[in-house]
Amino acid sequence: MKDLHNDLKFSRGLSPVVAGTDNTAYVSQIIDTANFSATEFVILTGVNTDADATFTVLVEDGADAALSDAAAVADSFLLGTEAAASFTFADDNLTKKIGYIGIKRYARVTITPANNGAGNIYIAGVWVQGGARKQPQA
């Protein structure tokens, strides 16, 4: 059986938050992709009581550690699509994911709500990295 425990690294992507009653975007922590062959962002949603809210996912990357050079990632550098990782009011208690296989060192995910009047949804995110060049991972 393959050892995942020492090969995977999990990093805080987006601390659990209650979506506000506006359309303020939620921006993940910036992930450093160095020394890993795979990077995935996993989104967890709770129950959404808003009847028409939508949440759009955008992946950006860059060479600067603070992502001052951030640009939208080309679809060819994503595993899955941003549309498939996005969600609506009907997507209660789901897990969504989007993979990054780009050539830039740093990446982040932004989740932007629209029509978020009631705003009663919990959102969280975690970065999962695999194919570690150095093991074990903490």
Protein backbone atom coordinates (compact mmCIF):
# COMPACT_ATOMS: atom_id res chain seq x y z
CA MET A 1 0.00 0.00 0.00
CA LYS A 2 1.29 3.48 -0.88
CA ASP A 3 2.28 5.81 1.95
CA LEU A 4 0.26 9.02 1.58
CA HIS A 5 0.95 10.19 5.10
CA ASN A 6 4.56 11.17 4.46
CA ASP A 7 3.98 12.33 0.87
CA LEU A 8 1.16 14.86 1.37
CA LYS A 9 1.27 18.34 2.83
CA PHE A 10 -1.86 20.16 3.99
CA SER A 11 -1.86 23.94 4.40
CA ARG A 12 -4.50 26.39 5.51
CA GLY A 13 -6.10 27.81 2.41
CA LEU A 14 -9.07 29.68 3.77
CA SER A 15 -9.97 29.64 7.45
CA PRO A 16 -13.63 28.78 8.03
CA VAL A 17 -15.71 31.90 7.52
CA VAL A 18 -19.34 32.81 7.44
CA ALA A 19 -20.04 34.58 4.18
CA GLY A 20 -21.11 38.12 4.92
CA THR A 21 -24.24 39.73 3.61
CA ASP A 22 -22.38 41.36 0.76
CA ASN A 23 -20.29 40.25 -2.20
CA THR A 24 -16.84 40.65 -0.67
CA ALA A 25 -14.38 38.17 -2.18
CA TYR A 26 -12.64 35.54 -0.06
CA VAL A 27 -8.96 35.24 -0.94
CA SER A 28 -6.98 32.15 0.02
CA GLN A 29 -3.55 32.01 1.50
CA ILE A 30 -0.80 32.03 -1.12
CA ILE A 31 0.72 28.59 -1.65
CA ASP A 32 4.34 27.95 -2.55
CA THR A 33 4.42 25.14 -5.11
CA ALA A 34 8.19 24.58 -4.91
CA ASN A 35 9.28 21.02 -4.13
CA PHE A 36 5.90 19.47 -4.98
CA SER A 37 4.67 17.93 -8.21
CA ALA A 38 0.98 18.40 -7.41
CA THR A 39 -1.06 21.18 -5.82
CA GLU A 40 -4.81 21.06 -5.20
CA PHE A 41 -7.21 23.52 -3.57
CA VAL A 42 -10.15 21.92 -1.77
CA ILE A 43 -13.23 24.00 -0.90
CA LEU A 44 -15.70 22.93 1.78
CA THR A 45 -19.17 24.46 1.95
CA GLY A 46 -21.81 24.30 4.65
CA VAL A 47 -25.55 24.79 4.35
CA ASN A 48 -26.44 27.89 2.34
CA THR A 49 -29.75 29.50 3.24
CA ASP A 50 -29.51 32.23 0.60
CA ALA A 51 -31.92 31.49 -2.26
CA ASP A 52 -29.92 32.92 -5.17
CA ALA A 53 -26.25 33.31 -4.18
CA THR A 54 -23.49 32.12 -6.49
CA PHE A 55 -19.79 31.77 -5.69
CA THR A 56 -17.25 31.99 -8.52
CA VAL A 57 -13.76 30.52 -8.19
CA LEU A 58 -10.69 32.13 -9.75
CA VAL A 59 -7.14 30.71 -9.63
CA GLU A 60 -4.22 33.11 -9.98
CA ASP A 61 -0.47 32.51 -10.06
CA GLY A 62 2.76 34.45 -10.21
CA ALA A 63 6.49 34.46 -9.51
CA ASP A 64 6.36 36.96 -6.63
CA ALA A 65 5.82 35.55 -3.11
CA ALA A 66 3.22 38.25 -2.39
CA LEU A 67 1.61 37.69 -5.81
CA SER A 68 2.04 41.34 -6.77
CA ASP A 69 2.29 39.91 -10.31
CA ALA A 70 -0.85 37.75 -10.00
CA ALA A 71 -2.59 36.77 -13.21
CA ALA A 72 -5.46 34.41 -13.96
CA VAL A 73 -4.20 30.90 -14.62
CA ALA A 74 -4.67 29.56 -18.15
CA ASP A 75 -7.07 26.62 -18.30
CA SER A 76 -4.26 24.39 -19.59
CA PHE A 77 -2.56 24.72 -16.17
CA LEU A 78 -5.65 23.67 -14.20
CA LEU A 79 -6.90 20.21 -13.33
CA GLY A 80 -10.65 20.54 -13.48
CA THR A 81 -12.26 23.87 -14.23
CA GLU A 82 -12.97 26.98 -12.23
CA ALA A 83 -16.62 26.60 -13.24
CA ALA A 84 -16.75 23.10 -11.75
CA ALA A 85 -15.11 24.35 -8.54
CA SER A 86 -17.61 27.21 -8.24
CA PHE A 87 -20.90 26.69 -6.39
CA THR A 88 -24.36 28.09 -5.82
CA PHE A 89 -27.03 28.28 -3.13
CA ALA A 90 -28.05 24.73 -4.06
CA ASP A 91 -24.63 23.24 -3.22
CA ASP A 92 -25.03 22.54 0.48
CA ASN A 93 -22.37 20.59 2.38
CA LEU A 94 -20.20 19.87 -0.63
CA THR A 95 -16.52 19.55 -1.31
CA LYS A 96 -15.16 21.10 -4.51
CA LYS A 97 -11.61 20.99 -5.84
CA ILE A 98 -9.34 22.51 -8.45
CA GLY A 99 -5.79 21.44 -9.26
CA TYR A 100 -2.86 23.63 -10.26
CA ILE A 101 -0.08 22.33 -12.53
CA GLY A 102 1.26 25.68 -13.69
CA ILE A 103 4.85 26.79 -14.05
CA LYS A 104 4.71 29.70 -11.60
CA ARG A 105 5.89 29.20 -8.06
CA TYR A 106 2.99 30.80 -6.18
CA ALA A 107 -0.79 30.43 -6.48
CA ARG A 108 -3.97 31.51 -4.73
CA VAL A 109 -7.71 31.06 -5.10
CA THR A 110 -10.36 33.76 -4.84
CA ILE A 111 -14.02 32.91 -4.20
CA THR A 112 -16.31 35.77 -5.19
CA PRO A 113 -19.98 35.76 -4.14
CA ALA A 114 -22.81 37.35 -6.13
CA ASN A 115 -26.39 37.96 -4.98
CA ASN A 116 -25.25 37.16 -1.47
CA GLY A 117 -28.04 38.92 0.42
CA ALA A 118 -28.62 36.50 3.27
CA GLY A 119 -25.04 35.28 3.40
CA ASN A 120 -25.60 32.32 5.66
CA ILE A 121 -23.02 29.87 4.35
CA TYR A 122 -19.83 28.55 5.87
CA ILE A 123 -16.83 28.31 3.55
CA ALA A 124 -13.37 26.88 4.21
CA GLY A 125 -10.45 25.82 2.05
CA VAL A 126 -7.31 23.74 2.33
CA TRP A 127 -4.28 23.40 0.08
CA VAL A 128 -3.18 19.79 -0.53
CA GLN A 129 0.23 19.15 -2.04
CA GLY A 130 1.69 15.84 -3.14
CA GLY A 131 4.68 14.39 -4.87
CA ALA A 132 6.95 15.90 -2.27
CA ARG A 133 10.60 15.99 -3.29
CA LYS A 134 11.55 15.85 0.41
CA GLN A 135 9.95 13.42 2.82
CA PRO A 136 8.47 13.04 5.29
CA GLN A 137 6.12 16.02 5.21
CA ALA A 138 5.04 17.44 8.56
